[in-house]
Amino acid sequence: ASIIEIMERYPFNGQPRRFSRRDKRGQHEAKIAKVHDGVVELHVEWGQPAAGTLIQTFKLDPKNPNRLNVEHQLALEVDATTGRVPNPRVMSYQTVYTRRA
């Protein structure tokens, strides 16, 4: 078991869906924006408090089909802890998941 558990399902036709925000402050709206060459791009938006957007790009590692790379681009209008515009306003990071055989 983990501290955070997220279960969201999105149709591949790009139709938006609403789910509870991951920070538990209301809801967010998200949709699959692009699907190409085995890459799926998810766009997520949420309003106040701490409004922002998240673009997540999911792709399997071509050399290791048991490895999923997720690139994240997070843009926040205001830092929820300080109430100020964050610097940098857009943050990028990567998560790598490896399936155990």
PDB file of N, CA and C in Angstrom:
ATOM      1  N   ALA A   1       0.845  -1.186   0.000  1.00  0.00           N
ATOM      2  CA  ALA A   1       0.000   0.000   0.000  1.00  0.00           C
ATOM      3  C   ALA A   1       0.883   1.238   0.000  1.00  0.00           C
ATOM      4  N   SER A   2       0.346   2.307  -0.569  1.00  0.00           N
ATOM      5  CA  SER A   2       1.107   3.549  -0.634  1.00  0.00           C
ATOM      6  C   SER A   2       0.319   4.680   0.012  1.00  0.00           C
ATOM      7  N   ILE A   3       0.993   5.783   0.245  1.00  0.00           N
ATOM      8  CA  ILE A   3       0.358   6.944   0.849  1.00  0.00           C
ATOM      9  C   ILE A   3      -0.642   7.570  -0.122  1.00  0.00           C
ATOM     10  N   ILE A   4      -0.257   7.629  -1.400  1.00  0.00           N
ATOM     11  CA  ILE A   4      -1.103   8.231  -2.419  1.00  0.00           C
ATOM     12  C   ILE A   4      -1.494   7.153  -3.423  1.00  0.00           C
ATOM     13  N   GLU A   5      -2.764   7.093  -3.720  1.00  0.00           N
ATOM     14  CA  GLU A   5      -3.232   6.160  -4.740  1.00  0.00           C
ATOM     15  C   GLU A   5      -4.135   6.927  -5.691  1.00  0.00           C
ATOM     16  N   ILE A   6      -3.783   6.896  -6.980  1.00  0.00           N
ATOM     17  CA  ILE A   6      -4.524   7.638  -7.994  1.00  0.00           C
ATOM     18  C   ILE A   6      -5.060   6.648  -9.014  1.00  0.00           C
ATOM     19  N   MET A   7      -6.358   6.719  -9.279  1.00  0.00           N
ATOM     20  CA  MET A   7      -6.942   5.912 -10.340  1.00  0.00           C
ATOM     21  C   MET A   7      -7.817   6.820 -11.199  1.00  0.00           C
ATOM     22  N   GLU A   8      -7.346   7.045 -12.420  1.00  0.00           N
ATOM     23  CA  GLU A   8      -8.071   7.880 -13.367  1.00  0.00           C
ATOM     24  C   GLU A   8      -8.078   7.146 -14.706  1.00  0.00           C
ATOM     25  N   ARG A   9      -9.187   7.272 -15.434  1.00  0.00           N
ATOM     26  CA  ARG A   9      -9.284   6.654 -16.766  1.00  0.00           C
ATOM     27  C   ARG A   9      -9.739   7.711 -17.753  1.00  0.00           C
ATOM     28  N   TYR A  10      -9.048   7.749 -18.892  1.00  0.00           N
ATOM     29  CA  TYR A  10      -9.332   8.744 -19.913  1.00  0.00           C
ATOM     30  C   TYR A  10      -9.566   8.063 -21.254  1.00  0.00           C
ATOM     31  N   PRO A  11     -10.593   8.483 -21.994  1.00  0.00           N
ATOM     32  CA  PRO A  11     -10.806   7.913 -23.324  1.00  0.00           C
ATOM     33  C   PRO A  11      -9.765   8.453 -24.308  1.00  0.00           C
ATOM     34  N   PHE A  12      -9.405   7.646 -25.271  1.00  0.00           N
ATOM     35  CA  PHE A  12      -8.408   8.053 -26.254  1.00  0.00           C
ATOM     36  C   PHE A  12      -8.955   9.021 -27.296  1.00  0.00           C
ATOM     37  N   ASN A  13     -10.250   9.323 -27.269  1.00  0.00           N
ATOM     38  CA  ASN A  13     -10.829  10.250 -28.247  1.00  0.00           C
ATOM     39  C   ASN A  13     -10.654  11.717 -27.834  1.00  0.00           C
ATOM     40  N   GLY A  14     -10.004  11.979 -26.713  1.00  0.00           N
ATOM     41  CA  GLY A  14      -9.735  13.353 -26.291  1.00  0.00           C
ATOM     42  C   GLY A  14     -10.844  14.010 -25.501  1.00  0.00           C
ATOM     43  N   GLN A  15     -11.900  13.265 -25.205  1.00  0.00           N
ATOM     44  CA  GLN A  15     -13.001  13.839 -24.424  1.00  0.00           C
ATOM     45  C   GLN A  15     -12.529  14.074 -22.980  1.00  0.00           C
ATOM     46  N   PRO A  16     -12.750  15.286 -22.451  1.00  0.00           N
ATOM     47  CA  PRO A  16     -12.280  15.590 -21.094  1.00  0.00           C
ATOM     48  C   PRO A  16     -13.064  14.840 -20.020  1.00  0.00           C
ATOM     49  N   ARG A  17     -12.402  14.591 -18.918  1.00  0.00           N
ATOM     50  CA  ARG A  17     -12.990  13.951 -17.747  1.00  0.00           C
ATOM     51  C   ARG A  17     -12.653  14.780 -16.518  1.00  0.00           C
ATOM     52  N   ARG A  18     -13.515  14.709 -15.509  1.00  0.00           N
ATOM     53  CA  ARG A  18     -13.293  15.410 -14.247  1.00  0.00           C
ATOM     54  C   ARG A  18     -13.046  14.381 -13.145  1.00  0.00           C
ATOM     55  N   PHE A  19     -12.045  14.673 -12.316  1.00  0.00           N
ATOM     56  CA  PHE A  19     -11.693  13.815 -11.187  1.00  0.00           C
ATOM     57  C   PHE A  19     -11.340  14.692  -9.996  1.00  0.00           C
ATOM     58  N   SER A  20     -11.289  14.079  -8.833  1.00  0.00           N
ATOM     59  CA  SER A  20     -10.811  14.798  -7.652  1.00  0.00           C
ATOM     60  C   SER A  20      -9.380  15.231  -7.890  1.00  0.00           C
ATOM     61  N   ARG A  21      -9.080  16.447  -7.476  1.00  0.00           N
ATOM     62  CA  ARG A  21      -7.703  16.927  -7.593  1.00  0.00           C
ATOM     63  C   ARG A  21      -6.784  16.045  -6.784  1.00  0.00           C
ATOM     64  N   ARG A  22      -5.585  15.925  -7.237  1.00  0.00           N
ATOM     65  CA  ARG A  22      -4.605  15.068  -6.555  1.00  0.00           C
ATOM     66  C   ARG A  22      -4.200  15.641  -5.210  1.00  0.00           C
ATOM     67  N   ASP A  23      -4.390  16.958  -5.014  1.00  0.00           N
ATOM     68  CA  ASP A  23      -4.119  17.567  -3.708  1.00  0.00           C
ATOM     69  C   ASP A  23      -5.380  17.662  -2.851  1.00  0.00           C
ATOM     70  N   LYS A  24      -6.469  17.043  -3.311  1.00  0.00           N
ATOM     71  CA  LYS A  24      -7.738  16.952  -2.577  1.00  0.00           C
ATOM     72  C   LYS A  24      -8.406  18.307  -2.354  1.00  0.00           C
ATOM     73  N   ARG A  25      -8.171  19.291  -3.240  1.00  0.00           N
ATOM     74  CA  ARG A  25      -8.770  20.625  -3.132  1.00  0.00           C
ATOM     75  C   ARG A  25      -9.776  20.861  -4.250  1.00  0.00           C
ATOM     76  N   GLY A  26     -10.748  20.005  -4.393  1.00  0.00           N
ATOM     77  CA  GLY A  26     -11.738  20.178  -5.448  1.00  0.00           C
ATOM     78  C   GLY A  26     -11.517  19.196  -6.574  1.00  0.00           C
ATOM     79  N   GLN A  27     -11.748  19.668  -7.825  1.00  0.00           N
ATOM     80  CA  GLN A  27     -11.632  18.795  -8.983  1.00  0.00           C
ATOM     81  C   GLN A  27     -10.687  19.374 -10.024  1.00  0.00           C
ATOM     82  N   HIS A  28     -10.215  18.486 -10.886  1.00  0.00           N
ATOM     83  CA  HIS A  28      -9.457  18.908 -12.057  1.00  0.00           C
ATOM     84  C   HIS A  28     -10.124  18.334 -13.296  1.00  0.00           C
ATOM     85  N   GLU A  29      -9.814  18.920 -14.440  1.00  0.00           N
ATOM     86  CA  GLU A  29     -10.308  18.404 -15.717  1.00  0.00           C
ATOM     87  C   GLU A  29      -9.100  18.008 -16.547  1.00  0.00           C
ATOM     88  N   ALA A  30      -9.194  16.841 -17.189  1.00  0.00           N
ATOM     89  CA  ALA A  30      -8.049  16.353 -17.961  1.00  0.00           C
ATOM     90  C   ALA A  30      -8.526  15.596 -19.186  1.00  0.00           C
ATOM     91  N   LYS A  31      -7.625  15.502 -20.164  1.00  0.00           N
ATOM     92  CA  LYS A  31      -7.931  14.758 -21.383  1.00  0.00           C
ATOM     93  C   LYS A  31      -6.643  14.285 -22.030  1.00  0.00           C
ATOM     94  N   ILE A  32      -6.754  13.229 -22.811  1.00  0.00           N
ATOM     95  CA  ILE A  32      -5.631  12.791 -23.633  1.00  0.00           C
ATOM     96  C   ILE A  32      -5.597  13.719 -24.834  1.00  0.00           C
ATOM     97  N   ALA A  33      -4.516  14.479 -24.946  1.00  0.00           N
ATOM     98  CA  ALA A  33      -4.411  15.490 -25.988  1.00  0.00           C
ATOM     99  C   ALA A  33      -3.760  14.955 -27.256  1.00  0.00           C
ATOM    100  N   LYS A  34      -2.827  14.007 -27.097  1.00  0.00           N
ATOM    101  CA  LYS A  34      -2.116  13.460 -28.256  1.00  0.00           C
ATOM    102  C   LYS A  34      -1.825  11.989 -28.025  1.00  0.00           C
ATOM    103  N   VAL A  35      -1.920  11.239 -29.092  1.00  0.00           N
ATOM    104  CA  VAL A  35      -1.477   9.842 -29.105  1.00  0.00           C
ATOM    105  C   VAL A  35      -0.751   9.661 -30.428  1.00  0.00           C
ATOM    106  N   HIS A  36       0.541   9.363 -30.363  1.00  0.00           N
ATOM    107  CA  HIS A  36       1.310   9.164 -31.591  1.00  0.00           C
ATOM    108  C   HIS A  36       2.526   8.303 -31.307  1.00  0.00           C
ATOM    109  N   ASP A  37       2.805   7.388 -32.196  1.00  0.00           N
ATOM    110  CA  ASP A  37       3.993   6.528 -32.110  1.00  0.00           C
ATOM    111  C   ASP A  37       4.196   5.925 -30.722  1.00  0.00           C
ATOM    112  N   GLY A  38       3.116   5.479 -30.095  1.00  0.00           N
ATOM    113  CA  GLY A  38       3.223   4.855 -28.783  1.00  0.00           C
ATOM    114  C   GLY A  38       3.385   5.829 -27.631  1.00  0.00           C
ATOM    115  N   VAL A  39       3.242   7.120 -27.898  1.00  0.00           N
ATOM    116  CA  VAL A  39       3.363   8.155 -26.869  1.00  0.00           C
ATOM    117  C   VAL A  39       1.968   8.704 -26.580  1.00  0.00           C
ATOM    118  N   VAL A  40       1.660   8.844 -25.291  1.00  0.00           N
ATOM    119  CA  VAL A  40       0.369   9.402 -24.873  1.00  0.00           C
ATOM    120  C   VAL A  40       0.647  10.666 -24.068  1.00  0.00           C
ATOM    121  N   GLU A  41      -0.034  11.768 -24.453  1.00  0.00           N
ATOM    122  CA  GLU A  41       0.140  13.037 -23.753  1.00  0.00           C
ATOM    123  C   GLU A  41      -1.169  13.414 -23.074  1.00  0.00           C
ATOM    124  N   LEU A  42      -1.111  13.582 -21.757  1.00  0.00           N
ATOM    125  CA  LEU A  42      -2.266  13.919 -20.939  1.00  0.00           C
ATOM    126  C   LEU A  42      -2.159  15.375 -20.499  1.00  0.00           C
ATOM    127  N   HIS A  43      -3.238  16.149 -20.697  1.00  0.00           N
ATOM    128  CA  HIS A  43      -3.284  17.545 -20.254  1.00  0.00           C
ATOM    129  C   HIS A  43      -4.264  17.655 -19.087  1.00  0.00           C
ATOM    130  N   VAL A  44      -3.802  18.245 -17.982  1.00  0.00           N
ATOM    131  CA  VAL A  44      -4.597  18.387 -16.765  1.00  0.00           C
ATOM    132  C   VAL A  44      -4.653  19.871 -16.402  1.00  0.00           C
ATOM    133  N   GLU A  45      -5.850  20.368 -16.021  1.00  0.00           N
ATOM    134  CA  GLU A  45      -6.022  21.761 -15.591  1.00  0.00           C
ATOM    135  C   GLU A  45      -6.870  21.791 -14.330  1.00  0.00           C
ATOM    136  N   TRP A  46      -6.580  22.751 -13.446  1.00  0.00           N
ATOM    137  CA  TRP A  46      -7.385  22.928 -12.240  1.00  0.00           C
ATOM    138  C   TRP A  46      -7.392  24.405 -11.864  1.00  0.00           C
ATOM    139  N   GLY A  47      -8.457  24.796 -11.184  1.00  0.00           N
ATOM    140  CA  GLY A  47      -8.623  26.189 -10.783  1.00  0.00           C
ATOM    141  C   GLY A  47      -8.125  26.455  -9.371  1.00  0.00           C
ATOM    142  N   GLN A  48      -8.541  27.577  -8.834  1.00  0.00           N
ATOM    143  CA  GLN A  48      -8.129  27.994  -7.484  1.00  0.00           C
ATOM    144  C   GLN A  48      -8.712  27.049  -6.435  1.00  0.00           C
ATOM    145  N   PRO A  49      -8.083  26.856  -5.337  1.00  0.00           N
ATOM    146  CA  PRO A  49      -6.810  27.479  -4.952  1.00  0.00           C
ATOM    147  C   PRO A  49      -5.622  26.806  -5.650  1.00  0.00           C
ATOM    148  N   ALA A  50      -4.556  27.562  -5.803  1.00  0.00           N
ATOM    149  CA  ALA A  50      -3.322  27.055  -6.422  1.00  0.00           C
ATOM    150  C   ALA A  50      -3.575  26.524  -7.829  1.00  0.00           C
ATOM    151  N   ALA A  51      -4.183  27.355  -8.682  1.00  0.00           N
ATOM    152  CA  ALA A  51      -4.501  26.957 -10.053  1.00  0.00           C
ATOM    153  C   ALA A  51      -3.238  26.613 -10.827  1.00  0.00           C
ATOM    154  N   GLY A  52      -3.407  25.706 -11.798  1.00  0.00           N
ATOM    155  CA  GLY A  52      -2.259  25.336 -12.606  1.00  0.00           C
ATOM    156  C   GLY A  52      -2.603  24.356 -13.700  1.00  0.00           C
ATOM    157  N   THR A  53      -1.569  23.936 -14.400  1.00  0.00           N
ATOM    158  CA  THR A  53      -1.696  22.934 -15.455  1.00  0.00           C
ATOM    159  C   THR A  53      -0.569  21.923 -15.320  1.00  0.00           C
ATOM    160  N   LEU A  54      -0.837  20.741 -15.837  1.00  0.00           N
ATOM    161  CA  LEU A  54       0.161  19.672 -15.843  1.00  0.00           C
ATOM    162  C   LEU A  54       0.051  18.966 -17.181  1.00  0.00           C
ATOM    163  N   ILE A  55       1.170  18.816 -17.861  1.00  0.00           N
ATOM    164  CA  ILE A  55       1.242  18.010 -19.074  1.00  0.00           C
ATOM    165  C   ILE A  55       2.118  16.813 -18.745  1.00  0.00           C
ATOM    166  N   GLN A  56       1.555  15.623 -18.940  1.00  0.00           N
ATOM    167  CA  GLN A  56       2.298  14.390 -18.682  1.00  0.00           C
ATOM    168  C   GLN A  56       2.418  13.626 -19.991  1.00  0.00           C
ATOM    169  N   THR A  57       3.637  13.232 -20.323  1.00  0.00           N
ATOM    170  CA  THR A  57       3.902  12.472 -21.536  1.00  0.00           C
ATOM    171  C   THR A  57       4.384  11.086 -21.136  1.00  0.00           C
ATOM    172  N   PHE A  58       3.632  10.068 -21.540  1.00  0.00           N
ATOM    173  CA  PHE A  58       3.918   8.677 -21.187  1.00  0.00           C
ATOM    174  C   PHE A  58       4.500   7.965 -22.404  1.00  0.00           C
ATOM    175  N   LYS A  59       5.644   7.304 -22.226  1.00  0.00           N
ATOM    176  CA  LYS A  59       6.190   6.517 -23.329  1.00  0.00           C
ATOM    177  C   LYS A  59       7.001   5.342 -22.795  1.00  0.00           C
ATOM    178  N   LEU A  60       6.831   4.215 -23.468  1.00  0.00           N
ATOM    179  CA  LEU A  60       7.609   3.037 -23.119  1.00  0.00           C
ATOM    180  C   LEU A  60       9.022   3.200 -23.645  1.00  0.00           C
ATOM    181  N   ASP A  61       9.967   2.687 -22.896  1.00  0.00           N
ATOM    182  CA  ASP A  61      11.365   2.705 -23.313  1.00  0.00           C
ATOM    183  C   ASP A  61      11.516   1.713 -24.471  1.00  0.00           C
ATOM    184  N   PRO A  62      11.987   2.167 -25.647  1.00  0.00           N
ATOM    185  CA  PRO A  62      12.090   1.252 -26.788  1.00  0.00           C
ATOM    186  C   PRO A  62      13.081   0.108 -26.565  1.00  0.00           C
ATOM    187  N   LYS A  63      14.033   0.298 -25.650  1.00  0.00           N
ATOM    188  CA  LYS A  63      15.016  -0.753 -25.370  1.00  0.00           C
ATOM    189  C   LYS A  63      14.592  -1.671 -24.240  1.00  0.00           C
ATOM    190  N   ASN A  64      13.577  -1.241 -23.466  1.00  0.00           N
ATOM    191  CA  ASN A  64      13.117  -2.040 -22.332  1.00  0.00           C
ATOM    192  C   ASN A  64      11.606  -1.861 -22.187  1.00  0.00           C
ATOM    193  N   PRO A  65      10.808  -2.793 -22.717  1.00  0.00           N
ATOM    194  CA  PRO A  65       9.352  -2.648 -22.653  1.00  0.00           C
ATOM    195  C   PRO A  65       8.773  -2.730 -21.240  1.00  0.00           C
ATOM    196  N   ASN A  66       9.609  -3.054 -20.256  1.00  0.00           N
ATOM    197  CA  ASN A  66       9.156  -3.071 -18.862  1.00  0.00           C
ATOM    198  C   ASN A  66       9.381  -1.732 -18.172  1.00  0.00           C
ATOM    199  N   ARG A  67       9.870  -0.748 -18.918  1.00  0.00           N
ATOM    200  CA  ARG A  67      10.151   0.567 -18.334  1.00  0.00           C
ATOM    201  C   ARG A  67       9.256   1.616 -18.982  1.00  0.00           C
ATOM    202  N   LEU A  68       8.534   2.365 -18.129  1.00  0.00           N
ATOM    203  CA  LEU A  68       7.667   3.453 -18.580  1.00  0.00           C
ATOM    204  C   LEU A  68       8.270   4.772 -18.124  1.00  0.00           C
ATOM    205  N   ASN A  69       8.519   5.664 -19.074  1.00  0.00           N
ATOM    206  CA  ASN A  69       9.031   6.999 -18.769  1.00  0.00           C
ATOM    207  C   ASN A  69       7.875   7.988 -18.808  1.00  0.00           C
ATOM    208  N   VAL A  70       7.781   8.814 -17.788  1.00  0.00           N
ATOM    209  CA  VAL A  70       6.742   9.843 -17.734  1.00  0.00           C
ATOM    210  C   VAL A  70       7.437  11.190 -17.536  1.00  0.00           C
ATOM    211  N   GLU A  71       7.243  12.083 -18.499  1.00  0.00           N
ATOM    212  CA  GLU A  71       7.778  13.434 -18.384  1.00  0.00           C
ATOM    213  C   GLU A  71       6.641  14.334 -17.912  1.00  0.00           C
ATOM    214  N   HIS A  72       6.931  15.189 -16.956  1.00  0.00           N
ATOM    215  CA  HIS A  72       5.930  16.065 -16.349  1.00  0.00           C
ATOM    216  C   HIS A  72       6.345  17.518 -16.565  1.00  0.00           C
ATOM    217  N   GLN A  73       5.389  18.348 -16.943  1.00  0.00           N
ATOM    218  CA  GLN A  73       5.619  19.789 -17.030  1.00  0.00           C
ATOM    219  C   GLN A  73       4.506  20.460 -16.237  1.00  0.00           C
ATOM    220  N   LEU A  74       4.858  21.001 -15.083  1.00  0.00           N
ATOM    221  CA  LEU A  74       3.912  21.577 -14.134  1.00  0.00           C
ATOM    222  C   LEU A  74       4.048  23.097 -14.146  1.00  0.00           C
ATOM    223  N   ALA A  75       2.921  23.781 -14.366  1.00  0.00           N
ATOM    224  CA  ALA A  75       2.900  25.255 -14.343  1.00  0.00           C
ATOM    225  C   ALA A  75       1.904  25.697 -13.280  1.00  0.00           C
ATOM    226  N   LEU A  76       2.362  26.523 -12.352  1.00  0.00           N
ATOM    227  CA  LEU A  76       1.509  27.006 -11.263  1.00  0.00           C
ATOM    228  C   LEU A  76       1.364  28.520 -11.334  1.00  0.00           C
ATOM    229  N   GLU A  77       0.149  28.997 -11.066  1.00  0.00           N
ATOM    230  CA  GLU A  77      -0.076  30.443 -11.012  1.00  0.00           C
ATOM    231  C   GLU A  77       0.422  31.017  -9.703  1.00  0.00           C
ATOM    232  N   VAL A  78       0.308  30.231  -8.626  1.00  0.00           N
ATOM    233  CA  VAL A  78       0.729  30.694  -7.305  1.00  0.00           C
ATOM    234  C   VAL A  78       1.205  29.493  -6.500  1.00  0.00           C
ATOM    235  N   ASP A  79       2.215  29.694  -5.678  1.00  0.00           N
ATOM    236  CA  ASP A  79       2.718  28.642  -4.795  1.00  0.00           C
ATOM    237  C   ASP A  79       1.741  28.494  -3.630  1.00  0.00           C
ATOM    238  N   ALA A  80       1.214  27.306  -3.428  1.00  0.00           N
ATOM    239  CA  ALA A  80       0.208  27.075  -2.390  1.00  0.00           C
ATOM    240  C   ALA A  80       0.755  27.317  -0.984  1.00  0.00           C
ATOM    241  N   THR A  81       2.051  27.182  -0.785  1.00  0.00           N
ATOM    242  CA  THR A  81       2.609  27.371   0.558  1.00  0.00           C
ATOM    243  C   THR A  81       2.977  28.823   0.855  1.00  0.00           C
ATOM    244  N   THR A  82       3.369  29.595  -0.186  1.00  0.00           N
ATOM    245  CA  THR A  82       3.796  30.978   0.053  1.00  0.00           C
ATOM    246  C   THR A  82       2.763  32.007  -0.399  1.00  0.00           C
ATOM    247  N   GLY A  83       1.864  31.621  -1.324  1.00  0.00           N
ATOM    248  CA  GLY A  83       0.903  32.567  -1.871  1.00  0.00           C
ATOM    249  C   GLY A  83       1.489  33.480  -2.930  1.00  0.00           C
ATOM    250  N   ARG A  84       2.732  33.225  -3.334  1.00  0.00           N
ATOM    251  CA  ARG A  84       3.400  34.050  -4.334  1.00  0.00           C
ATOM    252  C   ARG A  84       3.551  33.290  -5.647  1.00  0.00           C
ATOM    253  N   VAL A  85       3.839  34.032  -6.717  1.00  0.00           N
ATOM    254  CA  VAL A  85       4.128  33.402  -8.006  1.00  0.00           C
ATOM    255  C   VAL A  85       5.435  32.620  -7.844  1.00  0.00           C
ATOM    256  N   PRO A  86       5.434  31.342  -8.192  1.00  0.00           N
ATOM    257  CA  PRO A  86       6.655  30.553  -7.998  1.00  0.00           C
ATOM    258  C   PRO A  86       7.744  30.914  -8.999  1.00  0.00           C
ATOM    259  N   ASN A  87       8.969  30.693  -8.592  1.00  0.00           N
ATOM    260  CA  ASN A  87      10.112  30.904  -9.473  1.00  0.00           C
ATOM    261  C   ASN A  87      10.978  29.653  -9.416  1.00  0.00           C
ATOM    262  N   PRO A  88      11.053  28.851 -10.450  1.00  0.00           N
ATOM    263  CA  PRO A  88      10.443  29.072 -11.761  1.00  0.00           C
ATOM    264  C   PRO A  88       8.948  28.765 -11.737  1.00  0.00           C
ATOM    265  N   ARG A  89       8.218  29.392 -12.650  1.00  0.00           N
ATOM    266  CA  ARG A  89       6.778  29.179 -12.741  1.00  0.00           C
ATOM    267  C   ARG A  89       6.447  27.823 -13.350  1.00  0.00           C
ATOM    268  N   VAL A  90       7.296  27.357 -14.267  1.00  0.00           N
ATOM    269  CA  VAL A  90       7.109  26.051 -14.901  1.00  0.00           C
ATOM    270  C   VAL A  90       8.241  25.136 -14.452  1.00  0.00           C
ATOM    271  N   MET A  91       7.862  23.973 -13.955  1.00  0.00           N
ATOM    272  CA  MET A  91       8.838  22.992 -13.478  1.00  0.00           C
ATOM    273  C   MET A  91       8.699  21.722 -14.300  1.00  0.00           C
ATOM    274  N   SER A  92       9.807  21.123 -14.639  1.00  0.00           N
ATOM    275  CA  SER A  92       9.804  19.873 -15.393  1.00  0.00           C
ATOM    276  C   SER A  92      10.535  18.812 -14.593  1.00  0.00           C
ATOM    277  N   TYR A  93      10.012  17.600 -14.654  1.00  0.00           N
ATOM    278  CA  TYR A  93      10.674  16.478 -14.005  1.00  0.00           C
ATOM    279  C   TYR A  93      10.260  15.193 -14.696  1.00  0.00           C
ATOM    280  N   GLN A  94      10.978  14.121 -14.415  1.00  0.00           N
ATOM    281  CA  GLN A  94      10.716  12.839 -15.060  1.00  0.00           C
ATOM    282  C   GLN A  94      10.580  11.761 -14.003  1.00  0.00           C
ATOM    283  N   THR A  95       9.654  10.833 -14.254  1.00  0.00           N
ATOM    284  CA  THR A  95       9.473   9.669 -13.396  1.00  0.00           C
ATOM    285  C   THR A  95       9.666   8.438 -14.266  1.00  0.00           C
ATOM    286  N   VAL A  96      10.381   7.448 -13.739  1.00  0.00           N
ATOM    287  CA  VAL A  96      10.600   6.204 -14.462  1.00  0.00           C
ATOM    288  C   VAL A  96      10.029   5.065 -13.626  1.00  0.00           C
ATOM    289  N   TYR A  97       9.146   4.289 -14.245  1.00  0.00           N
ATOM    290  CA  TYR A  97       8.549   3.117 -13.598  1.00  0.00           C
ATOM    291  C   TYR A  97       9.098   1.868 -14.266  1.00  0.00           C
ATOM    292  N   THR A  98       9.524   0.901 -13.473  1.00  0.00           N
ATOM    293  CA  THR A  98      10.017  -0.355 -14.013  1.00  0.00           C
ATOM    294  C   THR A  98       9.169  -1.498 -13.476  1.00  0.00           C
ATOM    295  N   ARG A  99       8.593  -2.255 -14.401  1.00  0.00           N
ATOM    296  CA  ARG A  99       7.759  -3.405 -14.010  1.00  0.00           C
ATOM    297  C   ARG A  99       8.687  -4.563 -13.642  1.00  0.00           C
ATOM    298  N   ARG A 100       8.387  -5.170 -12.524  1.00  0.00           N
ATOM    299  CA  ARG A 100       9.152  -6.332 -12.097  1.00  0.00           C
ATOM    300  C   ARG A 100       8.626  -7.583 -12.805  1.00  0.00           C
ATOM    301  N   ALA A 101       9.551  -8.383 -13.241  1.00  0.00           N
ATOM    302  CA  ALA A 101       9.163  -9.616 -13.947  1.00  0.00           C
ATOM    303  C   ALA A 101       8.735 -10.700 -12.986  1.00  0.00           C
TER     304      ALA A 101
END
